[in-house]
Amino acid sequence: MEGRVFEQQETEAVSSNSIIDAPSGAADDGRKIKEESVDVDPSIAANIEDAGLEEGEISQHDDLNDEGEKKPKKITLAALQLAMPSKRKGDSSKDRPFAPPGKVRKAKKEIIPGQVIDTRATQPYSRSDVQSLKYVRTLIKEAEEATSKDDERTLHHLFHLLRQQIHEIEFMSNLSGDLVTQSRLLDDNGLAKIVGKVGVDYPFDLVADTKALHDRWSKGDFDAFLLRGIELKSRTQGEKTTKSRNLDKNYPYKVSPNFIGEGPLVNGQWWPHQICAIRDGAHGAIEAGIFGERGKGALSIVVGSSGYANEDDGDIIKYCGTSGSLETPTENTKLMIESQNRQTPVRVIRSGASNAKKHSVYQPIVGLRYDGLYQVTDNTLMDQGTAMYQFRLERLPGQDPIRCRGVEIRPTPEESHVHSRIREALGYSN
């Protein structure tokens, strides 16, 4: 019986055709992992199991041949490659200058699968819910009237109410296509007026958030759950119960990240976890900070307090590649160099790290936020032995400001509140 590759989890790469180097160093040796099955001697299979691979990296089954003898076990090639010793020398901070120390794999205890966790709270909608959505149309009309009268004070108050309303209806637990249809918010006199700034000079953040909601609803995605398209699961390992997040392979609105530029994203778009950014096509790697393809270069990077020698000054970022070996750059470092040579834009996603000692004022307080397009303009070789490069990225002009402060800050109060409630339901401390 052939070994099967389990569904993707937030501990492994999303795309098998993408070259990914985990910033933690767990599988950062530049080897490309392919999802194929090969025959493995039982003794080797046992050694691989002892190496402590995650569930989903390995699947073994005993089978008998026609003579009643056990066949060699089948195992995914990805698991085999990860289990074999790396040729890279050393994983200590001494051997990895300008990069965080590598992680050491621990032996796994018996894993007891748990059940899917559901933190949703849904209920049928009522007439008051319809009126709540229609209230947005009323505010739009009042904003047009205030503009015609040059009533700036009233206009700013209406902008505040519109922000609040847009952010609240995004998380209505009873939201549905029928409810949105009755509200007529997708009509020409609804959200489209804010997106197109028809008759009113709406603030950039209100336009961006309304556009994200309008675009999602327009393609039929009315799921208000913050973790839509993500399966939450728990499992028991020894005396410890852990929770994991998996991409739902049946989720119909997943966006491919293999595009150059901004694509369907909007400035300031926010996600609670990196796997959610993958769901919406902002990034393409579960853990790695660099994602891209040969022939296109780096398409997106995640900037955070990861332990690398990064410097974040907002419009200018100094960003490290990953540690190579024997003076040879990793594939992801090569992707960054390719982006510099091609002068193709790179999506920058900042991640929050509230417990990090080195925290940039441009980082979100929690989660991840898309902060626009940057261009790689220069690079510096920081360490020849590990081929560690530091890249200079400059934010392209003509974009809306980074949403790290003021009324336009992301995550919004509503996003932070919903995220906190989900964490509480999952048993995490906030």
Protein backbone atom coordinates (compact mmCIF):
# COMPACT_ATOMS: atom_id res chain seq x y z
CA MET A 1 0.00 0.00 0.00
CA GLU A 2 1.47 3.32 -0.97
CA GLY A 3 2.23 5.99 1.60
CA ARG A 4 0.00 9.03 1.23
CA VAL A 5 0.92 12.66 1.66
CA PHE A 6 -1.35 14.16 4.29
CA GLU A 7 -3.14 17.51 3.92
CA GLN A 8 -1.01 20.62 4.36
CA GLN A 9 -0.57 21.91 7.88
CA GLU A 10 0.91 25.07 9.32
CA THR A 11 4.19 23.23 9.84
CA GLU A 12 5.08 22.51 6.23
CA ALA A 13 5.33 24.13 2.80
CA VAL A 14 2.23 24.85 0.76
CA SER A 15 3.47 24.49 -2.78
CA SER A 16 5.60 21.56 -3.89
CA ASN A 17 6.91 23.56 -6.86
CA SER A 18 8.11 26.41 -4.64
CA ILE A 19 11.55 26.44 -3.07
CA ILE A 20 11.15 27.21 0.62
CA ASP A 21 13.72 27.63 3.38
CA ALA A 22 12.24 27.71 6.87
CA PRO A 23 13.67 30.65 8.80
CA SER A 24 13.93 28.53 11.89
CA GLY A 25 16.54 26.35 10.21
CA ALA A 26 14.47 23.18 10.70
CA ALA A 27 14.76 22.27 7.01
CA ASP A 28 16.92 25.09 5.78
CA ASP A 29 19.57 23.22 3.85
CA GLY A 30 18.53 24.24 0.36
CA ARG A 31 17.19 20.81 -0.58
CA LYS A 32 13.98 20.72 -2.58
CA ILE A 33 11.37 18.47 -1.02
CA LYS A 34 9.29 16.48 -3.50
CA GLU A 35 6.01 14.79 -2.65
CA GLU A 36 6.72 11.32 -4.08
CA SER A 37 6.63 7.80 -2.63
CA VAL A 38 9.58 5.40 -2.61
CA ASP A 39 10.32 1.92 -1.28
CA VAL A 40 12.26 2.02 1.98
CA ASP A 41 13.94 -0.78 3.91
CA PRO A 42 12.06 -1.43 7.21
CA SER A 43 15.18 -0.62 9.27
CA ILE A 44 15.50 2.77 7.57
CA ALA A 45 11.81 3.41 8.04
CA ALA A 46 12.22 2.75 11.75
CA ASN A 47 15.10 5.22 11.93
CA ILE A 48 12.98 7.82 10.17
CA GLU A 49 10.15 7.27 12.62
CA ASP A 50 12.61 7.69 15.50
CA ALA A 51 13.75 10.99 13.99
CA GLY A 52 10.52 12.49 15.24
CA LEU A 53 8.82 13.63 12.03
CA GLU A 54 5.49 15.40 12.19
CA GLU A 55 2.34 13.47 11.39
CA GLY A 56 1.70 14.11 7.72
CA GLU A 57 5.38 13.80 6.77
CA ILE A 58 5.37 10.01 7.05
CA SER A 59 2.85 7.25 6.46
CA GLN A 60 3.89 3.59 6.72
CA HIS A 61 1.82 0.48 6.05
CA ASP A 62 2.78 -3.23 6.19
CA ASP A 63 1.74 -5.22 3.15
CA LEU A 64 2.40 -8.82 2.00
CA ASN A 65 3.57 -10.01 -1.37
CA ASP A 66 2.21 -13.07 -3.19
CA GLU A 67 4.49 -15.37 -1.15
CA GLY A 68 3.24 -14.09 2.17
CA GLU A 69 6.37 -12.06 2.91
CA LYS A 70 6.34 -8.44 4.05
CA LYS A 71 7.00 -5.93 1.29
CA PRO A 72 9.31 -2.99 1.88
CA LYS A 73 7.48 -0.09 3.46
CA LYS A 74 6.43 2.89 1.38
CA ILE A 75 7.28 6.35 2.62
CA THR A 76 6.95 9.81 1.15
CA LEU A 77 10.18 11.08 -0.38
CA ALA A 78 9.69 14.33 1.52
CA ALA A 79 9.90 12.42 4.81
CA LEU A 80 12.95 10.49 3.65
CA GLN A 81 14.81 13.65 2.60
CA LEU A 82 13.98 15.44 5.82
CA ALA A 83 15.15 12.46 7.90
CA MET A 84 18.54 12.08 6.24
CA PRO A 85 21.45 14.01 7.83
CA SER A 86 21.98 17.47 6.40
CA LYS A 87 25.27 18.21 4.70
CA ARG A 88 25.28 21.71 6.07
CA LYS A 89 27.83 22.18 8.84
CA GLY A 90 26.49 23.18 12.22
CA ASP A 91 23.22 24.63 13.43
CA SER A 92 24.45 26.70 16.33
CA SER A 93 24.34 30.48 16.39
CA LYS A 94 28.12 30.40 15.92
CA ASP A 95 27.72 28.53 12.64
CA ARG A 96 24.78 30.71 11.54
CA PRO A 97 25.81 34.37 11.95
CA PHE A 98 23.03 36.96 11.39
CA ALA A 99 20.43 34.16 11.61
CA PRO A 100 18.53 32.52 14.48
CA PRO A 101 19.94 29.22 15.81
CA GLY A 102 18.55 26.08 14.23
CA LYS A 103 16.02 23.89 15.98
CA VAL A 104 16.81 20.36 17.18
CA ARG A 105 14.28 17.67 16.36
CA LYS A 106 13.02 15.77 19.37
CA ALA A 107 11.81 12.20 19.48
CA LYS A 108 8.04 11.97 19.16
CA LYS A 109 5.73 10.23 21.57
CA GLU A 110 2.62 8.40 20.53
CA ILE A 111 0.18 10.76 18.86
CA ILE A 112 -3.52 10.41 19.58
CA PRO A 113 -5.58 12.24 16.93
CA GLY A 114 -8.23 14.59 18.25
CA GLN A 115 -11.38 16.06 16.78
CA VAL A 116 -11.99 19.08 14.58
CA ILE A 117 -12.60 22.15 16.72
CA ASP A 118 -15.52 24.44 15.83
CA THR A 119 -15.47 27.95 17.33
CA ARG A 120 -18.19 29.41 15.13
CA ALA A 121 -21.30 31.05 16.54
CA THR A 122 -24.01 31.20 13.88
CA GLN A 123 -27.70 32.06 14.05
CA PRO A 124 -30.51 33.01 11.62
CA TYR A 125 -30.65 36.66 10.63
CA SER A 126 -33.52 38.96 11.56
CA ARG A 127 -35.08 42.12 10.18
CA SER A 128 -32.81 44.21 12.40
CA ASP A 129 -29.80 42.59 10.71
CA VAL A 130 -31.10 43.70 7.32
CA GLN A 131 -31.54 47.22 8.66
CA SER A 132 -28.04 47.17 10.08
CA LEU A 133 -26.60 46.51 6.61
CA LYS A 134 -28.93 49.04 4.98
CA TYR A 135 -27.65 51.63 7.44
CA VAL A 136 -24.43 51.71 5.40
CA ARG A 137 -26.41 52.99 2.40
CA THR A 138 -27.96 55.67 4.62
CA LEU A 139 -24.53 56.81 5.80
CA ILE A 140 -23.29 56.96 2.20
CA LYS A 141 -26.21 59.21 1.25
CA GLU A 142 -25.60 61.46 4.26
CA ALA A 143 -21.91 61.70 3.36
CA GLU A 144 -22.85 62.90 -0.12
CA GLU A 145 -25.13 65.54 1.39
CA ALA A 146 -22.44 66.71 3.84
CA THR A 147 -19.95 66.98 0.96
CA SER A 148 -22.33 69.12 -1.07
CA LYS A 149 -22.67 71.46 1.93
CA ASP A 150 -18.92 71.48 2.70
CA ASP A 151 -19.78 70.30 6.21
CA GLU A 152 -16.39 68.85 7.18
CA ARG A 153 -17.30 68.20 10.80
CA THR A 154 -20.34 66.10 9.92
CA LEU A 155 -18.39 64.37 7.16
CA HIS A 156 -15.61 63.22 9.51
CA HIS A 157 -18.22 61.91 11.93
CA LEU A 158 -19.88 59.97 9.11
CA PHE A 159 -16.50 58.51 8.12
CA HIS A 160 -16.10 57.27 11.70
CA LEU A 161 -19.55 55.65 11.61
CA LEU A 162 -18.85 54.06 8.23
CA ARG A 163 -15.56 52.59 9.43
CA GLN A 164 -17.26 51.14 12.47
CA GLN A 165 -20.14 49.74 10.41
CA ILE A 166 -17.93 48.16 7.73
CA HIS A 167 -15.70 46.53 10.34
CA GLU A 168 -18.67 45.19 12.31
CA ILE A 169 -20.69 43.72 9.42
CA GLU A 170 -17.59 41.86 8.26
CA PHE A 171 -17.99 39.59 11.28
CA MET A 172 -21.78 39.22 11.43
CA SER A 173 -22.26 35.60 12.47
CA ASN A 174 -25.52 35.31 10.53
CA LEU A 175 -24.25 36.86 7.30
CA SER A 176 -25.49 35.19 4.14
CA GLY A 177 -25.97 35.87 0.45
CA ASP A 178 -29.68 36.37 1.00
CA LEU A 179 -29.05 38.93 3.74
CA VAL A 180 -26.59 40.88 1.57
CA THR A 181 -29.02 40.75 -1.36
CA GLN A 182 -31.82 42.21 0.75
CA SER A 183 -29.52 44.99 1.96
CA ARG A 184 -28.67 45.91 -1.66
CA LEU A 185 -25.11 46.73 -0.61
CA LEU A 186 -23.76 45.18 -3.81
CA ASP A 187 -25.90 47.49 -5.95
CA ASP A 188 -24.37 50.53 -7.65
CA ASN A 189 -25.56 52.76 -4.79
CA GLY A 190 -24.01 50.52 -2.14
CA LEU A 191 -20.38 49.69 -1.34
CA ALA A 192 -19.29 50.49 -4.89
CA LYS A 193 -19.78 54.20 -4.17
CA ILE A 194 -17.19 54.08 -1.40
CA VAL A 195 -14.76 52.01 -3.48
CA GLY A 196 -15.07 54.41 -6.42
CA LYS A 197 -15.19 57.55 -4.24
CA VAL A 198 -18.36 58.58 -6.03
CA GLY A 199 -19.27 62.11 -4.93
CA VAL A 200 -17.20 61.88 -1.73
CA ASP A 201 -13.46 61.87 -1.03
CA TYR A 202 -13.53 58.88 1.33
CA PRO A 203 -10.39 58.14 3.44
CA PHE A 204 -7.95 55.66 1.90
CA ASP A 205 -8.37 53.11 4.69
CA LEU A 206 -12.15 53.11 4.41
CA VAL A 207 -11.88 52.62 0.65
CA ALA A 208 -9.43 49.71 1.06
CA ASP A 209 -11.48 47.89 3.72
CA THR A 210 -14.72 48.39 1.79
CA LYS A 211 -13.08 47.12 -1.41
CA ALA A 212 -11.86 43.96 0.32
CA LEU A 213 -15.36 43.27 1.62
CA HIS A 214 -17.03 44.16 -1.69
CA ASP A 215 -14.69 41.93 -3.71
CA ARG A 216 -15.18 38.97 -1.38
CA TRP A 217 -18.94 39.27 -1.39
CA SER A 218 -19.03 39.79 -5.17
CA LYS A 219 -17.49 36.36 -5.75
CA GLY A 220 -20.01 34.74 -3.41
CA ASP A 221 -17.86 34.41 -0.30
CA PHE A 222 -20.13 35.49 2.58
CA ASP A 223 -18.36 33.49 5.28
CA ALA A 224 -17.76 35.94 8.15
CA PHE A 225 -15.57 33.56 10.14
CA LEU A 226 -12.07 34.97 10.71
CA LEU A 227 -10.55 31.51 10.12
CA ARG A 228 -12.70 30.63 7.10
CA GLY A 229 -11.12 27.93 4.98
CA ILE A 230 -9.00 26.76 7.92
CA GLU A 231 -9.60 23.52 9.80
CA LEU A 232 -8.74 23.63 13.49
CA LYS A 233 -7.70 20.28 14.96
CA SER A 234 -6.32 19.01 18.24
CA ARG A 235 -4.13 16.03 18.98
CA THR A 236 -2.63 14.44 22.07
CA GLN A 237 1.09 13.71 22.24
CA GLY A 238 2.02 12.03 25.49
CA GLU A 239 0.48 14.18 28.21
CA LYS A 240 0.35 17.27 26.02
CA THR A 241 -2.54 18.29 23.77
CA THR A 242 -1.65 20.53 20.84
CA LYS A 243 -3.79 22.32 18.28
CA SER A 244 -3.06 22.70 14.58
CA ARG A 245 -4.44 24.68 11.66
CA ASN A 246 -4.89 23.04 8.26
CA LEU A 247 -5.96 24.47 4.94
CA ASP A 248 -9.36 23.06 4.01
CA LYS A 249 -8.75 21.44 0.63
CA ASN A 250 -12.44 21.89 -0.20
CA TYR A 251 -12.45 25.65 0.44
CA PRO A 252 -13.54 27.12 -2.93
CA TYR A 253 -12.08 30.63 -2.57
CA LYS A 254 -8.40 29.90 -2.04
CA VAL A 255 -6.18 32.21 -4.09
CA SER A 256 -2.92 31.09 -5.67
CA PRO A 257 0.09 33.13 -4.48
CA ASN A 258 2.06 32.60 -7.71
CA PHE A 259 1.59 36.09 -9.11
CA ILE A 260 3.83 39.14 -9.33
CA GLY A 261 2.61 42.28 -7.63
CA GLU A 262 -0.42 43.08 -5.50
CA GLY A 263 -3.07 41.04 -7.27
CA PRO A 264 -6.37 40.92 -5.34
CA LEU A 265 -4.85 42.23 -2.10
CA VAL A 266 -5.50 45.64 -0.54
CA ASN A 267 -3.11 47.73 1.49
CA GLY A 268 -3.45 46.91 5.19
CA GLN A 269 -5.18 43.56 4.70
CA TRP A 270 -4.76 41.58 7.92
CA TRP A 271 -4.70 37.92 8.95
CA PRO A 272 -4.47 36.25 12.38
CA HIS A 273 -2.11 33.49 11.14
CA GLN A 274 0.28 32.96 8.24
CA ILE A 275 -1.85 30.11 6.93
CA CYS A 276 -4.71 32.63 6.45
CA ALA A 277 -2.42 34.82 4.34
CA ILE A 278 -1.71 31.73 2.25
CA ARG A 279 -5.44 31.13 1.86
CA ASP A 280 -5.84 34.61 0.32
CA GLY A 281 -2.77 34.40 -1.91
CA ALA A 282 -0.62 36.94 -0.08
CA HIS A 283 2.16 34.44 0.71
CA GLY A 284 2.94 30.88 -0.27
CA ALA A 285 4.89 29.32 2.60
CA ILE A 286 3.61 28.01 5.92
CA GLU A 287 6.69 28.96 7.92
CA ALA A 288 9.30 30.39 5.57
CA GLY A 289 9.71 34.14 5.31
CA ILE A 290 10.54 34.11 1.58
CA PHE A 291 8.28 32.75 -1.14
CA GLY A 292 8.82 32.79 -4.88
CA GLU A 293 9.58 30.85 -8.04
CA ARG A 294 12.51 30.51 -10.39
CA GLY A 295 11.86 32.72 -13.38
CA LYS A 296 9.86 35.19 -11.28
CA GLY A 297 12.09 35.75 -8.27
CA ALA A 298 10.82 36.38 -4.76
CA LEU A 299 7.10 37.15 -4.80
CA SER A 300 6.51 37.86 -1.11
CA ILE A 301 8.40 38.10 2.15
CA VAL A 302 7.35 38.15 5.81
CA VAL A 303 9.13 40.73 7.95
CA GLY A 304 9.08 40.17 11.70
CA SER A 305 11.15 39.64 14.82
CA SER A 306 12.52 36.30 13.65
CA GLY A 307 16.06 36.55 14.99
CA TYR A 308 17.61 37.55 11.68
CA ALA A 309 19.62 40.77 11.40
CA ASN A 310 16.73 42.66 9.80
CA GLU A 311 16.18 46.41 10.03
CA ASP A 312 12.71 47.87 9.49
CA ASP A 313 12.42 51.62 8.90
CA GLY A 314 9.03 51.55 7.21
CA ASP A 315 9.63 52.59 3.62
CA ILE A 316 13.13 51.08 3.71
CA ILE A 317 13.79 47.53 4.94
CA LYS A 318 17.07 45.67 5.29
CA TYR A 319 16.12 42.02 5.07
CA CYS A 320 18.30 38.92 5.39
CA GLY A 321 18.16 35.88 3.19
CA THR A 322 18.65 32.44 4.71
CA SER A 323 21.86 30.67 5.78
CA GLY A 324 23.51 28.59 3.10
CA SER A 325 26.61 26.41 3.35
CA LEU A 326 30.02 26.11 1.77
CA GLU A 327 29.72 29.66 0.43
CA THR A 328 26.63 28.65 -1.57
CA PRO A 329 23.42 30.72 -1.24
CA THR A 330 20.13 28.97 -0.50
CA GLU A 331 17.42 28.83 -3.14
CA ASN A 332 15.40 31.53 -1.37
CA THR A 333 18.41 33.82 -1.22
CA LYS A 334 18.81 33.26 -4.96
CA LEU A 335 15.16 34.25 -5.44
CA MET A 336 15.82 37.57 -3.71
CA ILE A 337 18.85 38.14 -5.95
CA GLU A 338 16.72 37.30 -8.98
CA SER A 339 14.09 39.86 -7.93
CA GLN A 340 16.82 42.47 -7.66
CA ASN A 341 18.11 41.63 -11.13
CA ARG A 342 14.64 41.57 -12.68
CA GLN A 343 13.47 44.63 -10.71
CA THR A 344 10.15 42.91 -10.00
CA PRO A 345 8.13 44.10 -6.98
CA VAL A 346 7.95 42.01 -3.80
CA ARG A 347 4.91 41.87 -1.52
CA VAL A 348 5.86 42.79 2.04
CA ILE A 349 3.90 41.25 4.90
CA ARG A 350 4.75 42.33 8.42
CA SER A 351 4.14 39.92 11.28
CA GLY A 352 3.46 40.86 14.86
CA ALA A 353 5.58 39.67 17.76
CA SER A 354 4.28 41.18 20.98
CA ASN A 355 6.75 39.15 23.08
CA ALA A 356 9.79 39.93 20.95
CA LYS A 357 12.58 42.00 22.42
CA LYS A 358 13.14 43.80 19.13
CA HIS A 359 9.80 45.08 17.93
CA SER A 360 9.41 47.56 15.07
CA VAL A 361 6.80 50.31 15.36
CA TYR A 362 5.66 49.25 11.89
CA GLN A 363 4.74 45.72 12.95
CA PRO A 364 1.11 44.88 13.79
CA ILE A 365 0.39 44.12 17.44
CA VAL A 366 -0.66 40.61 16.44
CA GLY A 367 -1.08 38.59 13.26
CA LEU A 368 0.17 39.60 9.81
CA ARG A 369 -0.54 42.67 7.67
CA TYR A 370 0.07 43.32 3.98
CA ASP A 371 1.97 46.61 3.66
CA GLY A 372 2.37 47.01 -0.08
CA LEU A 373 4.99 46.48 -2.77
CA TYR A 374 8.72 46.95 -2.34
CA GLN A 375 11.64 46.69 -4.74
CA VAL A 376 14.99 45.05 -3.99
CA THR A 377 17.53 47.77 -4.78
CA ASP A 378 20.78 46.45 -3.30
CA ASN A 379 22.38 43.59 -1.36
CA THR A 380 25.32 43.09 0.98
CA LEU A 381 27.19 39.83 1.64
CA MET A 382 27.14 39.59 5.45
CA ASP A 383 28.94 36.24 5.84
CA GLN A 384 30.82 34.43 3.10
CA GLY A 385 30.83 30.98 4.71
CA THR A 386 27.04 30.75 4.97
CA ALA A 387 26.43 33.00 1.94
CA MET A 388 24.23 35.19 4.12
CA TYR A 389 23.03 38.26 2.23
CA GLN A 390 21.19 41.30 3.51
CA PHE A 391 18.88 42.95 0.96
CA ARG A 392 17.76 46.55 0.82
CA LEU A 393 14.09 46.96 -0.13
CA GLU A 394 12.41 50.28 -0.88
CA ARG A 395 8.66 50.83 -0.85
CA LEU A 396 7.31 51.77 -4.26
CA PRO A 397 5.85 55.30 -4.49
CA GLY A 398 2.17 56.06 -5.07
CA GLN A 399 0.83 53.60 -2.47
CA ASP A 400 -1.34 54.33 0.55
CA PRO A 401 0.52 54.77 3.87
CA ILE A 402 1.47 51.81 6.05
CA ARG A 403 -1.45 51.18 8.39
CA CYS A 404 0.41 51.02 11.68
CA ARG A 405 -1.14 53.95 13.56
CA GLY A 406 -4.16 56.24 13.84
CA VAL A 407 -7.77 55.44 12.93
CA GLU A 408 -6.60 53.40 9.94
CA ILE A 409 -4.55 50.94 12.03
CA ARG A 410 -4.81 47.21 11.32
CA PRO A 411 -5.77 44.99 12.97
CA THR A 412 -8.94 46.95 13.65
CA PRO A 413 -10.49 46.85 17.15
CA GLU A 414 -13.11 44.45 15.77
CA GLU A 415 -10.46 42.12 14.35
CA SER A 416 -8.53 42.12 17.61
CA HIS A 417 -11.71 41.40 19.58
CA VAL A 418 -12.80 38.50 17.36
CA HIS A 419 -9.28 37.06 17.36
CA SER A 420 -9.15 37.26 21.15
CA ARG A 421 -12.51 35.45 21.47
CA ILE A 422 -11.35 32.63 19.17
CA ARG A 423 -8.14 32.20 21.17
CA GLU A 424 -10.18 32.07 24.35
CA ALA A 425 -12.47 29.42 22.89
CA LEU A 426 -9.40 27.38 21.93
CA GLY A 427 -8.02 27.62 25.44
CA TYR A 428 -5.16 30.02 24.74
CA SER A 429 -4.26 32.83 27.11
CA ASN A 430 -4.52 36.33 25.70
